[in-house]
């Protein structure tokens, strides 16, 4: 592997669990995507754009817990400001969301 990181590098990534509380279409995105509003408990509410439209309907995403990186800088995507990166496993063109097996408190640290 060429891109080995140190444990110290990994500890800089802030992975947290949040619950999706709002899902909207994102017609301005270059690739089909949703605009997500996610509750991270004490960290507050953050927004993210996610290209997950092939496997997930909007209604099925509401109240679903996900894992996200919450300490990236904000990124402008069209007219939308993404504040975190929702994590998923890429399977061809599909993205399968990562989530805890059991419900946990919003804002829980993933390590």
N, C-alpha and C. Protein backbone atom coordinates (compact mmCIF):
# COMPACT_ATOMS: atom_id res chain seq x y z
N UNK A 1 0.84 -1.19 0.00
CA UNK A 1 0.00 0.00 0.00
C UNK A 1 0.87 1.24 0.00
N UNK A 2 0.54 2.16 -0.86
CA UNK A 2 1.32 3.40 -0.97
C UNK A 2 0.86 4.50 -0.03
N UNK A 3 -0.38 4.44 0.41
CA UNK A 3 -0.93 5.56 1.18
C UNK A 3 -1.11 5.21 2.66
N UNK A 4 -0.11 4.65 3.27
CA UNK A 4 -0.14 4.31 4.69
C UNK A 4 -0.18 5.59 5.53
N UNK A 5 -1.05 5.62 6.54
CA UNK A 5 -1.09 6.75 7.45
C UNK A 5 -0.69 6.26 8.84
N UNK A 6 -0.34 7.20 9.69
CA UNK A 6 0.01 6.85 11.07
C UNK A 6 -1.26 6.86 11.92
N UNK A 7 -1.16 6.28 13.11
CA UNK A 7 -2.28 6.31 14.04
C UNK A 7 -2.62 7.76 14.39
N UNK A 8 -1.60 8.61 14.50
CA UNK A 8 -1.83 10.03 14.80
C UNK A 8 -2.65 10.68 13.68
N UNK A 9 -2.38 10.31 12.41
CA UNK A 9 -3.19 10.83 11.31
C UNK A 9 -4.65 10.43 11.48
N UNK A 10 -4.87 9.16 11.81
CA UNK A 10 -6.24 8.66 11.97
C UNK A 10 -6.97 9.38 13.10
N UNK A 11 -6.28 9.69 14.18
CA UNK A 11 -6.95 10.33 15.32
C UNK A 11 -7.42 11.75 14.99
N UNK A 12 -6.92 12.33 13.91
CA UNK A 12 -7.37 13.67 13.50
C UNK A 12 -8.75 13.64 12.85
N UNK A 13 -9.18 12.47 12.37
CA UNK A 13 -10.48 12.34 11.70
C UNK A 13 -11.55 12.16 12.77
N UNK A 14 -12.51 13.08 12.80
CA UNK A 14 -13.58 13.05 13.79
C UNK A 14 -14.80 12.37 13.17
N UNK A 15 -14.98 11.08 13.47
CA UNK A 15 -16.10 10.29 12.97
C UNK A 15 -17.19 10.25 14.04
N UNK A 16 -18.41 10.61 13.65
CA UNK A 16 -19.52 10.67 14.60
C UNK A 16 -20.78 10.04 14.00
N UNK A 17 -21.66 9.62 14.89
CA UNK A 17 -22.96 9.10 14.49
C UNK A 17 -23.97 10.23 14.58
N UNK A 18 -24.81 10.32 13.56
CA UNK A 18 -25.90 11.29 13.57
C UNK A 18 -27.15 10.68 13.00
N UNK A 19 -28.27 11.36 13.19
CA UNK A 19 -29.56 10.90 12.68
C UNK A 19 -30.05 11.87 11.62
N UNK A 20 -30.44 11.34 10.48
CA UNK A 20 -30.97 12.17 9.39
C UNK A 20 -32.37 12.65 9.79
N UNK A 21 -32.55 13.97 9.82
CA UNK A 21 -33.83 14.54 10.24
C UNK A 21 -34.58 15.23 9.10
N UNK A 22 -33.89 15.42 7.95
CA UNK A 22 -34.54 16.02 6.79
C UNK A 22 -33.81 15.57 5.54
N UNK A 23 -34.58 15.29 4.48
CA UNK A 23 -34.02 14.87 3.19
C UNK A 23 -34.72 15.66 2.09
N UNK A 24 -33.92 16.29 1.22
CA UNK A 24 -34.48 17.04 0.10
C UNK A 24 -33.78 16.63 -1.19
N UNK A 25 -34.51 16.74 -2.30
CA UNK A 25 -33.90 16.53 -3.60
C UNK A 25 -32.85 17.62 -3.83
N UNK A 26 -31.88 17.32 -4.68
CA UNK A 26 -30.80 18.27 -4.99
C UNK A 26 -30.62 18.34 -6.51
N UNK A 27 -31.59 18.97 -7.21
CA UNK A 27 -31.56 18.97 -8.68
C UNK A 27 -30.36 19.72 -9.27
N UNK A 28 -29.74 20.62 -8.51
CA UNK A 28 -28.59 21.37 -9.03
C UNK A 28 -27.28 20.57 -9.02
N UNK A 29 -27.25 19.44 -8.34
CA UNK A 29 -26.04 18.63 -8.26
C UNK A 29 -25.72 18.01 -9.62
N UNK A 30 -24.42 17.88 -9.92
CA UNK A 30 -24.00 17.28 -11.19
C UNK A 30 -24.39 15.80 -11.28
N UNK A 31 -24.26 15.08 -10.18
CA UNK A 31 -24.69 13.68 -10.09
C UNK A 31 -25.92 13.64 -9.19
N UNK A 32 -26.84 12.72 -9.45
CA UNK A 32 -28.04 12.64 -8.59
C UNK A 32 -27.66 12.55 -7.11
N UNK A 33 -28.28 13.39 -6.29
CA UNK A 33 -27.93 13.46 -4.87
C UNK A 33 -29.11 13.98 -4.07
N UNK A 34 -29.00 13.78 -2.76
CA UNK A 34 -29.94 14.36 -1.81
C UNK A 34 -29.20 15.38 -0.94
N UNK A 35 -29.95 16.35 -0.44
CA UNK A 35 -29.47 17.24 0.61
C UNK A 35 -29.97 16.67 1.94
N UNK A 36 -29.04 16.37 2.84
CA UNK A 36 -29.39 15.78 4.13
C UNK A 36 -29.17 16.79 5.25
N UNK A 37 -30.07 16.81 6.21
CA UNK A 37 -29.89 17.54 7.45
C UNK A 37 -29.76 16.49 8.53
N UNK A 38 -28.65 16.56 9.30
CA UNK A 38 -28.29 15.50 10.23
C UNK A 38 -28.10 16.07 11.63
N UNK A 39 -28.71 15.41 12.61
CA UNK A 39 -28.60 15.81 14.02
C UNK A 39 -27.44 15.03 14.66
N UNK A 40 -26.41 15.76 15.10
CA UNK A 40 -25.25 15.17 15.77
C UNK A 40 -25.25 15.46 17.27
N UNK A 41 -26.42 15.58 17.86
CA UNK A 41 -26.52 15.78 19.31
C UNK A 41 -25.86 17.07 19.75
N UNK A 42 -24.92 16.96 20.70
CA UNK A 42 -24.23 18.15 21.23
C UNK A 42 -23.45 18.92 20.18
N UNK A 43 -23.08 18.26 19.06
CA UNK A 43 -22.36 18.96 17.98
C UNK A 43 -23.30 19.81 17.14
N UNK A 44 -24.59 19.59 17.28
CA UNK A 44 -25.57 20.38 16.55
C UNK A 44 -26.02 19.72 15.26
N UNK A 45 -26.67 20.52 14.44
CA UNK A 45 -27.22 20.08 13.16
C UNK A 45 -26.22 20.43 12.07
N UNK A 46 -25.95 19.48 11.17
CA UNK A 46 -25.07 19.72 10.03
C UNK A 46 -25.76 19.25 8.76
N UNK A 47 -25.37 19.84 7.65
CA UNK A 47 -25.93 19.49 6.35
C UNK A 47 -24.88 18.78 5.50
N UNK A 48 -25.35 17.91 4.62
CA UNK A 48 -24.45 17.19 3.73
C UNK A 48 -25.17 16.87 2.43
N UNK A 49 -24.41 16.80 1.36
CA UNK A 49 -24.91 16.31 0.09
C UNK A 49 -24.44 14.87 -0.05
N UNK A 50 -25.33 13.99 -0.48
CA UNK A 50 -24.97 12.57 -0.58
C UNK A 50 -25.52 11.97 -1.87
N UNK A 51 -24.64 11.33 -2.63
CA UNK A 51 -25.03 10.67 -3.87
C UNK A 51 -25.49 9.25 -3.56
N UNK A 52 -26.67 9.14 -2.98
CA UNK A 52 -27.19 7.85 -2.51
C UNK A 52 -28.58 7.58 -3.07
N UNK A 53 -28.91 8.19 -4.20
CA UNK A 53 -30.27 8.11 -4.74
C UNK A 53 -30.59 6.77 -5.39
N UNK A 54 -29.59 5.97 -5.76
CA UNK A 54 -29.88 4.71 -6.46
C UNK A 54 -30.43 3.64 -5.51
N UNK A 55 -30.05 3.68 -4.25
CA UNK A 55 -30.49 2.65 -3.31
C UNK A 55 -31.46 3.14 -2.24
N UNK A 56 -31.57 4.45 -2.05
CA UNK A 56 -32.35 4.98 -0.93
C UNK A 56 -33.42 5.96 -1.40
N UNK A 57 -34.64 5.72 -0.94
CA UNK A 57 -35.73 6.67 -1.13
C UNK A 57 -35.68 7.67 0.02
N UNK A 58 -36.15 8.87 -0.22
CA UNK A 58 -36.10 9.92 0.80
C UNK A 58 -36.77 9.48 2.11
N UNK A 59 -37.94 8.91 2.02
CA UNK A 59 -38.67 8.51 3.23
C UNK A 59 -37.92 7.47 4.05
N UNK A 60 -37.20 6.58 3.39
CA UNK A 60 -36.45 5.53 4.09
C UNK A 60 -35.23 6.09 4.82
N UNK A 61 -34.79 7.28 4.44
CA UNK A 61 -33.61 7.89 5.07
C UNK A 61 -33.96 8.64 6.36
N UNK A 62 -35.19 9.10 6.47
CA UNK A 62 -35.58 9.87 7.66
C UNK A 62 -35.43 9.02 8.92
N UNK A 63 -34.83 9.62 9.93
CA UNK A 63 -34.59 9.00 11.24
C UNK A 63 -33.58 7.85 11.19
N UNK A 64 -32.86 7.72 10.10
CA UNK A 64 -31.82 6.70 9.98
C UNK A 64 -30.51 7.24 10.55
N UNK A 65 -29.81 6.42 11.32
CA UNK A 65 -28.51 6.84 11.83
C UNK A 65 -27.44 6.54 10.79
N UNK A 66 -26.46 7.44 10.70
CA UNK A 66 -25.37 7.31 9.74
C UNK A 66 -24.06 7.63 10.46
N UNK A 67 -22.95 7.37 9.77
CA UNK A 67 -21.62 7.75 10.26
C UNK A 67 -21.09 8.82 9.31
N UNK A 68 -20.47 9.86 9.87
CA UNK A 68 -19.95 10.95 9.05
C UNK A 68 -18.66 11.51 9.64
N UNK A 69 -17.86 12.09 8.76
CA UNK A 69 -16.70 12.87 9.17
C UNK A 69 -17.21 14.28 9.41
N UNK A 70 -17.00 14.80 10.63
CA UNK A 70 -17.58 16.10 10.97
C UNK A 70 -16.54 17.22 11.07
N UNK A 71 -15.27 16.91 10.83
CA UNK A 71 -14.26 17.97 10.97
C UNK A 71 -13.56 18.32 9.66
N UNK A 72 -14.21 18.08 8.53
CA UNK A 72 -13.72 18.61 7.26
C UNK A 72 -14.16 20.07 7.15
N UNK A 73 -13.44 20.87 6.36
CA UNK A 73 -13.94 22.22 6.11
C UNK A 73 -15.23 22.15 5.28
N UNK A 74 -16.08 23.16 5.41
CA UNK A 74 -17.31 23.24 4.62
C UNK A 74 -16.96 23.25 3.14
N UNK A 75 -17.85 22.68 2.31
CA UNK A 75 -17.61 22.63 0.87
C UNK A 75 -18.87 23.08 0.13
N UNK A 76 -18.69 24.05 -0.75
CA UNK A 76 -19.80 24.56 -1.56
C UNK A 76 -20.05 23.59 -2.71
N UNK A 77 -21.29 23.11 -2.82
CA UNK A 77 -21.71 22.23 -3.91
C UNK A 77 -22.93 22.88 -4.53
N UNK A 78 -22.75 23.45 -5.72
CA UNK A 78 -23.78 24.28 -6.36
C UNK A 78 -24.14 25.39 -5.38
N UNK A 79 -25.42 25.55 -5.02
CA UNK A 79 -25.82 26.59 -4.08
C UNK A 79 -25.96 26.07 -2.66
N UNK A 80 -25.41 24.90 -2.40
CA UNK A 80 -25.57 24.21 -1.13
C UNK A 80 -24.22 24.11 -0.41
N UNK A 81 -24.21 24.36 0.90
CA UNK A 81 -22.99 24.26 1.69
C UNK A 81 -23.00 22.95 2.47
N UNK A 82 -22.10 22.03 2.10
CA UNK A 82 -21.98 20.76 2.79
C UNK A 82 -21.04 20.92 3.98
N UNK A 83 -21.47 20.45 5.16
CA UNK A 83 -20.72 20.67 6.40
C UNK A 83 -20.10 19.40 6.98
N UNK A 84 -20.41 18.25 6.38
CA UNK A 84 -19.83 16.99 6.85
C UNK A 84 -19.84 16.00 5.68
N UNK A 85 -19.14 14.89 5.86
CA UNK A 85 -19.06 13.87 4.81
C UNK A 85 -19.68 12.58 5.34
N UNK A 86 -20.83 12.21 4.78
CA UNK A 86 -21.51 10.97 5.15
C UNK A 86 -20.73 9.82 4.52
N UNK A 87 -20.48 8.78 5.30
CA UNK A 87 -19.66 7.66 4.83
C UNK A 87 -20.50 6.51 4.31
N UNK A 88 -20.00 5.90 3.24
CA UNK A 88 -20.65 4.74 2.66
C UNK A 88 -19.65 3.89 1.91
N UNK A 89 -20.00 2.64 1.73
CA UNK A 89 -19.18 1.72 0.95
C UNK A 89 -19.62 1.82 -0.51
N UNK A 90 -18.66 1.98 -1.42
CA UNK A 90 -18.96 2.12 -2.83
C UNK A 90 -18.98 0.73 -3.47
N UNK A 91 -20.11 0.44 -4.13
CA UNK A 91 -20.29 -0.84 -4.79
C UNK A 91 -20.75 -0.55 -6.22
N UNK A 92 -19.78 -0.41 -7.13
CA UNK A 92 -20.12 0.02 -8.48
C UNK A 92 -20.57 1.46 -8.45
N UNK A 93 -21.80 1.74 -8.90
CA UNK A 93 -22.35 3.09 -8.86
C UNK A 93 -23.18 3.33 -7.61
N UNK A 94 -23.36 2.29 -6.82
CA UNK A 94 -24.16 2.40 -5.60
C UNK A 94 -23.29 2.74 -4.40
N UNK A 95 -23.88 3.47 -3.46
CA UNK A 95 -23.23 3.77 -2.18
C UNK A 95 -24.12 3.21 -1.07
N UNK A 96 -23.54 2.34 -0.25
CA UNK A 96 -24.26 1.75 0.87
C UNK A 96 -23.83 2.47 2.13
N UNK A 97 -24.77 3.12 2.79
CA UNK A 97 -24.46 3.93 3.97
C UNK A 97 -23.90 3.08 5.11
N UNK A 98 -22.92 3.65 5.82
CA UNK A 98 -22.40 3.01 7.03
C UNK A 98 -23.23 3.49 8.21
N UNK A 99 -23.57 2.57 9.08
CA UNK A 99 -24.39 2.93 10.24
C UNK A 99 -24.13 1.96 11.38
N UNK A 100 -24.40 2.40 12.62
CA UNK A 100 -24.21 1.49 13.75
C UNK A 100 -25.25 0.37 13.70
N UNK A 101 -24.87 -0.78 14.21
CA UNK A 101 -25.77 -1.94 14.24
C UNK A 101 -26.94 -1.72 15.20
N UNK A 102 -26.69 -0.98 16.28
CA UNK A 102 -27.72 -0.66 17.27
C UNK A 102 -27.81 0.85 17.40
N UNK A 103 -28.98 1.35 17.78
CA UNK A 103 -29.16 2.79 17.95
C UNK A 103 -28.24 3.29 19.07
N UNK A 104 -27.57 4.40 18.78
CA UNK A 104 -26.68 5.02 19.77
C UNK A 104 -27.04 6.51 19.87
N UNK A 105 -26.47 7.17 20.85
CA UNK A 105 -26.73 8.59 21.04
C UNK A 105 -26.13 9.38 19.88
N UNK A 106 -26.88 10.36 19.37
CA UNK A 106 -26.35 11.24 18.32
C UNK A 106 -25.11 11.94 18.83
N UNK A 107 -24.09 12.01 17.99
CA UNK A 107 -22.82 12.61 18.35
C UNK A 107 -21.81 11.62 18.89
N UNK A 108 -22.23 10.35 19.05
CA UNK A 108 -21.30 9.33 19.55
C UNK A 108 -20.07 9.25 18.66
N UNK A 109 -18.90 9.10 19.29
CA UNK A 109 -17.63 9.01 18.58
C UNK A 109 -17.48 7.60 17.99
N UNK A 110 -17.01 7.53 16.75
CA UNK A 110 -16.68 6.26 16.12
C UNK A 110 -15.17 6.13 16.17
N UNK A 111 -14.67 5.02 16.72
CA UNK A 111 -13.22 4.85 16.82
C UNK A 111 -12.81 3.46 16.40
